[in-house]
Protein backbone atom coordinates (compact mmCIF):
# COMPACT_ATOMS: atom_id res chain seq x y z
CA MET A 1 54.23 -6.08 77.12
CA SER A 2 55.23 -4.27 73.95
CA THR A 3 53.52 -1.14 72.74
CA ASP A 4 53.36 -0.17 69.03
CA LEU A 5 54.06 3.55 68.90
CA SER A 6 54.13 3.83 65.09
CA ASP A 7 51.68 6.19 63.35
CA PRO A 8 48.35 4.62 62.38
CA PRO A 9 47.79 4.15 58.63
CA GLU A 10 46.11 7.06 56.89
CA PRO A 11 42.60 6.33 55.58
CA SER A 12 42.43 5.73 51.83
CA ILE A 13 41.02 8.57 49.74
CA SER A 14 38.63 7.73 46.87
CA THR A 15 39.86 8.92 43.51
CA ALA A 16 36.67 8.19 41.47
CA PRO A 17 36.44 10.38 38.38
CA PRO A 18 34.02 13.27 38.59
CA ALA A 19 30.54 12.74 37.12
CA PRO A 20 30.27 14.02 33.55
CA GLY A 21 28.52 17.33 33.11
CA PHE A 22 25.12 17.80 31.46
CA THR A 23 26.66 18.87 28.15
CA ALA A 24 28.74 15.71 27.95
CA GLU A 25 25.74 13.56 28.84
CA LEU A 26 23.66 15.31 26.19
CA ARG A 27 26.36 14.79 23.58
CA ASP A 28 26.59 11.11 24.48
CA ALA A 29 22.80 10.54 24.53
CA LEU A 30 22.09 12.34 21.24
CA SER A 31 24.45 11.12 18.58
CA ALA A 32 24.41 12.72 15.16
CA ARG A 33 22.97 9.51 13.71
CA GLY A 34 20.21 9.45 16.32
CA VAL A 35 19.28 13.07 15.62
CA LEU A 36 19.13 12.39 11.89
CA LEU A 37 16.86 9.38 12.46
CA VAL A 38 14.52 11.44 14.65
CA VAL A 39 14.41 14.18 12.00
CA GLY A 40 13.66 11.51 9.42
CA GLY A 41 10.81 10.25 11.61
CA LEU A 42 9.41 13.78 11.85
CA VAL A 43 9.53 14.18 8.06
CA LEU A 44 7.77 10.83 7.66
CA GLN A 45 5.09 11.86 10.16
CA LEU A 46 4.42 15.15 8.38
CA ALA A 47 4.37 13.37 5.02
CA PHE A 48 1.76 10.98 6.45
CA ILE A 49 -0.47 13.90 7.49
CA LEU A 50 0.03 15.68 4.17
CA SER A 51 -0.70 12.59 2.12
CA TYR A 52 -3.88 11.54 3.92
CA ILE A 53 -5.40 15.00 4.24
CA GLY A 54 -4.27 15.92 0.73
CA ALA A 55 -5.98 12.85 -0.72
CA PHE A 56 -9.19 12.93 1.32
CA HIS A 57 -9.96 16.52 2.29
CA ALA A 58 -11.90 17.39 -0.87
CA PRO A 59 -12.89 14.34 -2.96
CA THR A 60 -13.87 15.55 -6.41
CA PRO A 61 -15.31 13.36 -9.20
CA HIS A 62 -13.07 13.21 -12.25
CA ARG A 63 -14.09 11.35 -15.42
CA ILE A 64 -16.07 8.60 -13.72
CA PRO A 65 -16.61 5.97 -16.45
CA LEU A 66 -20.30 5.92 -17.40
CA ALA A 67 -22.19 4.00 -20.09
CA VAL A 68 -25.34 5.55 -21.59
CA VAL A 69 -28.19 3.54 -23.07
CA ALA A 70 -30.52 5.88 -24.94
CA PRO A 71 -32.65 6.00 -28.10
CA GLU A 72 -30.51 6.53 -31.17
CA GLN A 73 -31.93 9.99 -31.85
CA VAL A 74 -30.83 11.35 -28.44
CA SER A 75 -27.88 9.08 -27.56
CA ALA A 76 -25.08 11.25 -28.94
CA GLN A 77 -26.69 14.40 -27.56
CA THR A 78 -26.98 12.86 -24.08
CA VAL A 79 -23.37 11.67 -24.09
CA ASP A 80 -22.09 15.07 -25.23
CA ARG A 81 -24.16 16.87 -22.58
CA LEU A 82 -22.82 14.68 -19.77
CA ASN A 83 -19.23 14.98 -20.98
CA ALA A 84 -19.58 18.77 -21.08
CA LEU A 85 -20.47 19.11 -17.39
CA ASP A 86 -18.26 21.55 -15.47
CA GLY A 87 -15.13 19.93 -14.04
CA ASP A 88 -15.32 16.81 -16.25
CA PRO A 89 -16.91 14.64 -13.55
CA LEU A 90 -18.00 11.97 -16.07
CA ALA A 91 -16.48 10.11 -18.99
CA ALA A 92 -19.67 9.02 -20.76
CA ARG A 93 -19.90 6.67 -23.71
CA ALA A 94 -22.87 5.26 -25.62
CA VAL A 95 -23.67 1.54 -25.61
CA LYS A 96 -26.35 -0.27 -27.57
CA ASP A 97 -28.44 -1.78 -24.75
CA GLU A 98 -28.74 -2.54 -21.05
CA ALA A 99 -27.08 -5.95 -21.34
CA ALA A 100 -23.99 -4.36 -22.88
CA GLY A 101 -23.92 -1.77 -20.11
CA ARG A 102 -24.19 -4.38 -17.38
CA ALA A 103 -21.36 -6.35 -18.98
CA LEU A 104 -19.15 -3.25 -18.87
CA ILE A 105 -19.86 -2.85 -15.15
CA HIS A 106 -18.95 -6.46 -14.45
CA ASP A 107 -15.69 -6.31 -16.42
CA ARG A 108 -14.71 -3.05 -14.61
CA THR A 109 -14.81 -0.88 -17.72
CA VAL A 110 -17.43 1.51 -16.33
CA ASP A 111 -18.71 2.31 -12.84
CA ALA A 112 -22.33 3.02 -13.79
CA VAL A 113 -24.90 2.80 -16.59
CA LEU A 114 -27.57 5.41 -17.32
CA LEU A 115 -30.73 3.98 -18.91
CA VAL A 116 -32.62 6.81 -20.60
CA ASN A 117 -36.37 6.17 -20.71
CA PRO A 118 -37.70 6.98 -24.22
CA GLN A 119 -41.35 6.85 -23.10
CA GLY A 120 -41.12 9.09 -20.05
CA THR A 121 -39.03 11.41 -17.92
CA GLU A 122 -37.79 8.97 -15.29
CA ASP A 123 -34.40 7.40 -16.06
CA THR A 124 -32.57 4.58 -14.26
CA LEU A 125 -28.97 4.60 -13.07
CA LEU A 126 -27.29 1.23 -12.55
CA VAL A 127 -24.38 1.26 -10.09
CA ALA A 128 -22.17 -1.34 -8.39
CA SER A 129 -21.33 -0.03 -4.94
CA ALA A 130 -19.17 -3.10 -4.26
CA GLY A 131 -16.57 -1.33 -6.40
CA GLY A 132 -16.67 1.67 -4.07
CA PRO A 133 -19.76 3.16 -2.40
CA ALA A 134 -18.32 6.66 -2.58
CA VAL A 135 -18.10 6.64 -6.37
CA SER A 136 -21.63 5.22 -6.68
CA SER A 137 -22.97 8.01 -4.44
CA ALA A 138 -21.04 10.66 -6.36
CA THR A 139 -22.31 9.38 -9.72
CA THR A 140 -25.89 9.35 -8.45
CA GLN A 141 -25.62 12.96 -7.29
CA ILE A 142 -24.15 14.09 -10.61
CA ILE A 143 -26.82 12.35 -12.69
CA GLU A 144 -29.64 13.62 -10.43
CA LYS A 145 -28.43 17.18 -10.92
CA ALA A 146 -27.92 16.75 -14.68
CA ASP A 147 -31.38 15.17 -15.13
CA ALA A 148 -33.03 17.86 -13.04
CA ALA A 149 -31.67 20.45 -15.46
CA GLN A 150 -33.55 18.58 -18.23
CA ASN A 151 -36.75 18.28 -16.16
CA ARG A 152 -36.12 14.57 -15.69
CA THR A 153 -35.71 12.33 -12.64
CA VAL A 154 -33.54 9.29 -11.99
CA THR A 155 -33.89 6.15 -9.89
CA THR A 156 -30.75 4.37 -8.74
CA ASP A 157 -30.49 0.57 -8.87
CA ASP A 158 -27.49 -0.94 -7.07
CA ILE A 159 -26.98 -4.14 -9.06
CA LEU A 160 -23.87 -5.25 -7.15
CA PRO A 161 -23.80 -4.06 -3.52
CA PRO A 162 -21.21 -5.21 -0.96
CA ALA A 163 -21.91 -8.47 0.85
CA ALA A 164 -23.88 -8.29 4.07
CA GLY A 165 -20.72 -8.87 6.10
CA ASP A 166 -18.68 -6.32 4.15
CA GLY A 167 -20.25 -3.16 5.53
CA ARG A 168 -19.22 -0.23 3.35
CA GLY A 169 -17.27 -2.45 0.97
CA LEU A 170 -13.98 -1.70 2.73
CA SER A 171 -13.01 -5.25 3.71
CA SER A 172 -10.92 -5.67 0.54
CA PHE A 173 -8.97 -2.54 1.42
CA TYR A 174 -8.36 -3.50 5.04
CA LEU A 175 -7.38 -7.05 4.10
CA ALA A 176 -4.80 -5.74 1.63
CA ILE A 177 -3.44 -3.28 4.21
CA GLY A 178 -3.10 -6.08 6.76
CA TRP A 179 -1.12 -8.18 4.32
CA ILE A 180 1.11 -5.25 3.35
CA VAL A 181 1.81 -4.32 6.99
CA GLY A 182 2.60 -7.94 7.81
CA GLY A 183 5.03 -8.19 4.92
CA TYR A 184 7.12 -5.14 5.70
CA LEU A 185 6.97 -5.66 9.47
CA ALA A 186 8.28 -9.23 9.18
CA ALA A 187 11.14 -8.08 6.97
CA ALA A 188 11.89 -5.13 9.25
CA ILE A 189 11.92 -7.33 12.37
CA LEU A 190 14.36 -9.75 10.76
CA GLY A 191 16.52 -6.78 9.80
CA VAL A 192 16.52 -5.35 13.32
CA ALA A 193 17.20 -8.77 14.89
CA SER A 194 19.93 -9.93 12.51
CA GLY A 195 21.20 -6.82 10.78
CA ALA A 196 19.65 -4.77 8.00
CA ARG A 197 22.33 -6.05 5.65
CA PRO A 198 22.74 -9.85 5.87
CA ALA A 199 26.30 -11.07 6.37
CA ASN A 200 26.50 -12.67 2.92
CA PRO A 201 24.33 -13.51 -0.11
CA HIS A 202 23.50 -16.93 1.36
CA ARG A 203 21.99 -15.22 4.39
CA THR A 204 19.99 -12.98 2.06
CA VAL A 205 18.56 -15.98 0.24
CA ILE A 206 17.74 -17.65 3.58
CA ARG A 207 15.99 -14.48 4.79
CA LEU A 208 13.96 -14.25 1.59
CA GLY A 209 13.08 -17.94 1.90
CA VAL A 210 11.84 -17.44 5.45
CA LEU A 211 9.75 -14.49 4.29
CA ALA A 212 8.31 -16.54 1.43
CA VAL A 213 7.09 -19.13 3.94
CA TYR A 214 5.76 -16.31 6.10
CA ALA A 215 3.91 -14.90 3.07
CA VAL A 216 2.14 -18.22 2.47
CA VAL A 217 1.09 -18.46 6.13
CA SER A 218 0.08 -14.80 6.26
CA GLY A 219 -1.99 -15.10 3.09
CA LEU A 220 -3.72 -18.14 4.56
CA GLY A 221 -4.46 -16.35 7.83
CA GLY A 222 -5.94 -13.30 6.11
CA ALA A 223 -8.11 -15.39 3.81
CA LEU A 224 -9.38 -17.44 6.78
CA ILE A 225 -10.28 -14.34 8.80
CA ALA A 226 -11.97 -12.47 5.94
CA GLY A 227 -13.86 -15.54 4.74
CA PRO A 228 -14.77 -18.43 7.05
CA VAL A 229 -14.17 -16.61 10.36
CA LEU A 230 -15.94 -13.28 9.78
CA GLY A 231 -17.91 -13.95 6.59
CA ALA A 232 -16.91 -10.60 5.07
CA LEU A 233 -15.46 -11.95 1.82
CA ASP A 234 -16.94 -15.41 1.33
CA GLY A 235 -16.62 -17.91 -1.49
CA HIS A 236 -13.14 -17.24 -2.88
CA PHE A 237 -10.85 -18.75 -0.26
CA ALA A 238 -8.15 -20.30 -2.48
CA ARG A 239 -7.83 -17.24 -4.72
CA LEU A 240 -7.66 -14.86 -1.76
CA TRP A 241 -4.98 -17.04 -0.17
CA ALA A 242 -2.89 -16.83 -3.36
CA ILE A 243 -3.40 -13.07 -3.69
CA GLY A 244 -2.49 -12.62 -0.03
CA ALA A 245 0.71 -14.64 -0.31
CA LEU A 246 1.79 -12.62 -3.35
CA THR A 247 0.91 -9.31 -1.68
CA VAL A 248 2.87 -10.15 1.48
CA LEU A 249 5.86 -11.35 -0.52
CA ALA A 250 5.82 -8.16 -2.62
CA ALA A 251 5.97 -6.02 0.53
CA ALA A 252 8.54 -8.21 2.29
CA ALA A 253 10.94 -8.60 -0.65
CA THR A 254 10.82 -4.87 -1.39
CA THR A 255 11.60 -4.11 2.25
CA VAL A 256 14.59 -6.46 2.28
CA ALA A 257 15.94 -4.86 -0.89
CA LEU A 258 15.60 -1.36 0.54
CA GLN A 259 17.25 -2.42 3.81
CA ILE A 260 20.27 -3.82 1.98
CA LEU A 261 20.54 -0.73 -0.20
CA LEU A 262 19.89 1.89 2.49
CA GLY A 263 20.33 0.17 5.86
CA VAL A 264 17.81 1.07 8.57
CA ILE A 265 16.65 4.03 6.47
CA GLY A 266 15.20 1.49 4.08
CA ILE A 267 12.45 0.73 6.60
CA GLY A 268 11.43 4.39 6.53
CA VAL A 269 11.35 4.39 2.74
CA THR A 270 9.18 1.26 2.84
CA ILE A 271 6.68 2.98 5.14
CA LEU A 272 6.72 6.03 2.86
CA VAL A 273 5.83 3.96 -0.20
CA PHE A 274 3.39 1.43 1.26
CA VAL A 275 1.67 3.49 3.96
CA VAL A 276 2.14 7.21 3.39
CA LEU A 277 1.58 7.03 -0.37
CA GLY A 278 -0.01 3.60 -0.80
CA ASN A 279 -2.91 3.70 1.65
CA PRO A 280 -4.68 6.90 0.56
CA SER A 281 -4.21 6.10 -3.14
CA ALA A 282 -5.36 2.46 -2.89
CA GLY A 283 -9.01 3.11 -3.74
CA GLY A 284 -10.33 2.09 -0.33
CA ALA A 285 -12.28 4.95 1.19
CA PHE A 286 -12.33 6.83 -2.11
CA PRO A 287 -11.82 5.17 -5.51
CA SER A 288 -9.28 6.73 -7.84
CA SER A 289 -11.87 8.74 -9.80
CA LEU A 290 -12.52 10.82 -6.65
CA LEU A 291 -8.86 11.44 -5.73
CA PRO A 292 -6.59 14.37 -6.67
CA PRO A 293 -4.34 13.84 -9.73
CA PHE A 294 -1.19 12.74 -7.89
CA TRP A 295 -2.85 10.01 -5.82
CA ARG A 296 -5.00 8.97 -8.78
CA ALA A 297 -1.87 8.48 -10.88
CA ILE A 298 0.13 6.35 -8.43
CA GLY A 299 -2.52 4.15 -6.82
CA ASP A 300 -2.53 1.31 -9.33
CA TYR A 301 1.27 0.98 -9.22
CA ILE A 302 1.75 0.47 -5.48
CA PRO A 303 1.12 -2.97 -3.92
CA THR A 304 -1.46 -1.52 -1.50
CA GLY A 305 -3.71 -0.42 -4.36
CA ALA A 306 -2.93 -3.47 -6.48
CA GLY A 307 -3.79 -5.81 -3.60
CA THR A 308 -7.05 -3.96 -2.87
CA THR A 309 -8.12 -4.09 -6.51
CA ALA A 310 -7.16 -7.75 -6.87
CA VAL A 311 -9.25 -8.75 -3.85
CA ARG A 312 -12.22 -6.60 -4.85
CA ASN A 313 -12.25 -7.80 -8.46
CA THR A 314 -11.95 -11.43 -7.33
CA VAL A 315 -14.78 -11.29 -4.80
CA TYR A 316 -17.29 -9.09 -6.62
CA PHE A 317 -16.44 -8.97 -10.33
CA GLY A 318 -15.74 -12.58 -11.24
CA GLY A 319 -11.98 -12.10 -11.49
CA ASN A 320 -12.28 -9.56 -14.31
CA ALA A 321 -9.52 -6.95 -14.74
CA LEU A 322 -7.23 -9.01 -12.52
CA ALA A 323 -4.14 -9.22 -14.71
CA GLY A 324 -2.94 -5.66 -14.07
CA PRO A 325 -2.93 -5.82 -10.25
CA LEU A 326 -1.33 -9.26 -10.23
CA TRP A 327 1.45 -8.10 -12.55
CA VAL A 328 2.17 -5.17 -10.23
CA LEU A 329 2.41 -7.46 -7.19
CA ALA A 330 4.54 -9.99 -9.06
CA LEU A 331 6.88 -7.24 -10.28
CA TYR A 332 7.47 -5.94 -6.75
CA ALA A 333 8.09 -9.46 -5.46
CA ALA A 334 10.48 -10.38 -8.29
CA ALA A 335 12.29 -7.03 -8.39
CA GLY A 336 12.64 -6.93 -4.61
CA THR A 337 14.08 -10.45 -4.55
CA GLY A 338 16.48 -9.81 -7.42
CA ILE A 339 17.68 -6.45 -6.14
CA ALA A 340 18.17 -7.85 -2.63
CA VAL A 341 20.38 -10.70 -3.85
CA LEU A 342 22.39 -8.55 -6.29
CA ALA A 343 22.87 -5.76 -3.75
CA SER A 344 24.00 -8.30 -1.16
CA VAL A 345 26.58 -9.75 -3.57
CA ARG A 346 27.88 -6.31 -4.47
CA HIS A 347 28.02 -5.21 -0.85
CA ARG A 348 29.89 -8.37 0.11
CA ARG A 349 32.46 -7.86 -2.61
CA GLY A 350 33.00 -4.28 -1.48
CA GLU A 351 33.62 -5.46 2.09
CA THR A 352 36.16 -8.12 1.01
CA ALA A 353 38.23 -6.07 -1.44
CA PRO A 354 41.96 -6.91 -1.60
CA VAL A 355 44.26 -4.82 0.59
CA ALA A 356 48.03 -4.53 0.01
CA GLU A 357 50.05 -5.39 3.12
CA ASN A 358 53.88 -5.66 2.98
CA GLY A 359 53.66 -6.16 -0.78
CA THR A 360 51.28 -9.10 -0.50
CA ASP A 361 47.57 -8.96 -1.37
CA VAL A 362 45.36 -10.18 1.42
CA ARG A 363 41.58 -10.27 1.83
CA GLU A 364 40.42 -8.84 5.11
CA ARG A 365 36.82 -9.71 5.82
CA GLN A 366 34.80 -7.18 7.69
CA SER A 367 31.40 -7.63 9.18
CA VAL A 368 28.61 -6.21 7.04
CA GLU A 369 26.03 -6.35 9.77
CA ARG A 370 24.51 -2.96 10.43
């Protein structure tokens, strides 16, 4: 019987690399790009707080449009007195009679009409709180104080209140916000899923086409919910559907354009424009005549405000003063679409520029997905 006297094999020793230290892990977890994005998010958050509190913390009436119906002998004097109030809260103008004043309310030229009683000391103030309850309340308070200084009283008549299902008249505002959020979220999701910058102009056109279909469906859904489902904004289904589709497309196309121009940062810029600046200036909680100068100046030129005004004027004011908001929405939709396509073409050309190799020009395609 043989016996193996050779030495037994030595056990193998693991040579796994040592675990990285905390500093290395920290460096790997927090890239410079990630830190910059977090800082950008912080700036956006603080801008949100500044914008909302700045717009709403101290609503102050400023040149609220007011028509005055008064006897000829006191008409000019009454208008001058109201326009001379401290802080310029009113922009008063004389009109010949009550019918003319009511017409100005319905076509969105004025927010209220003061009917001066020539036979007594009790006047009447006509308001339309469907255009914004806050401005109607503010106008009433101003006129009550001004009349009291003349030993007169005033009775308020709300000739166009919000519908029973519209609460404080904010449904138009919330409907527009919903459409805007849907538009930029859909575009942002497509960007995250398939790259902020589409691979080529054809992909850009396809993405815009998908978003156009989405806009039609989204507009339909919003109109159904606000009208037949909840009864908040009844009687204008087809028009609301069209306004919704245009509003969603304006937000979506603008978002795509900003993504192609700026990459993922474009989503942040979209939120800055539509939410941080657009929501408080849209005329929802406080109409523009109660907002500070900056928000009052920009509100009509951002799709959030344009969409709110378009819905409100359609539902309550017979479609009057609708051209301006629709032009704003159409401009955003058209400009966003055009800029997205042109930027995609330019970006594609930059990525496929000729490169000299061994004296021969070659085109080396690189992925443009980000």
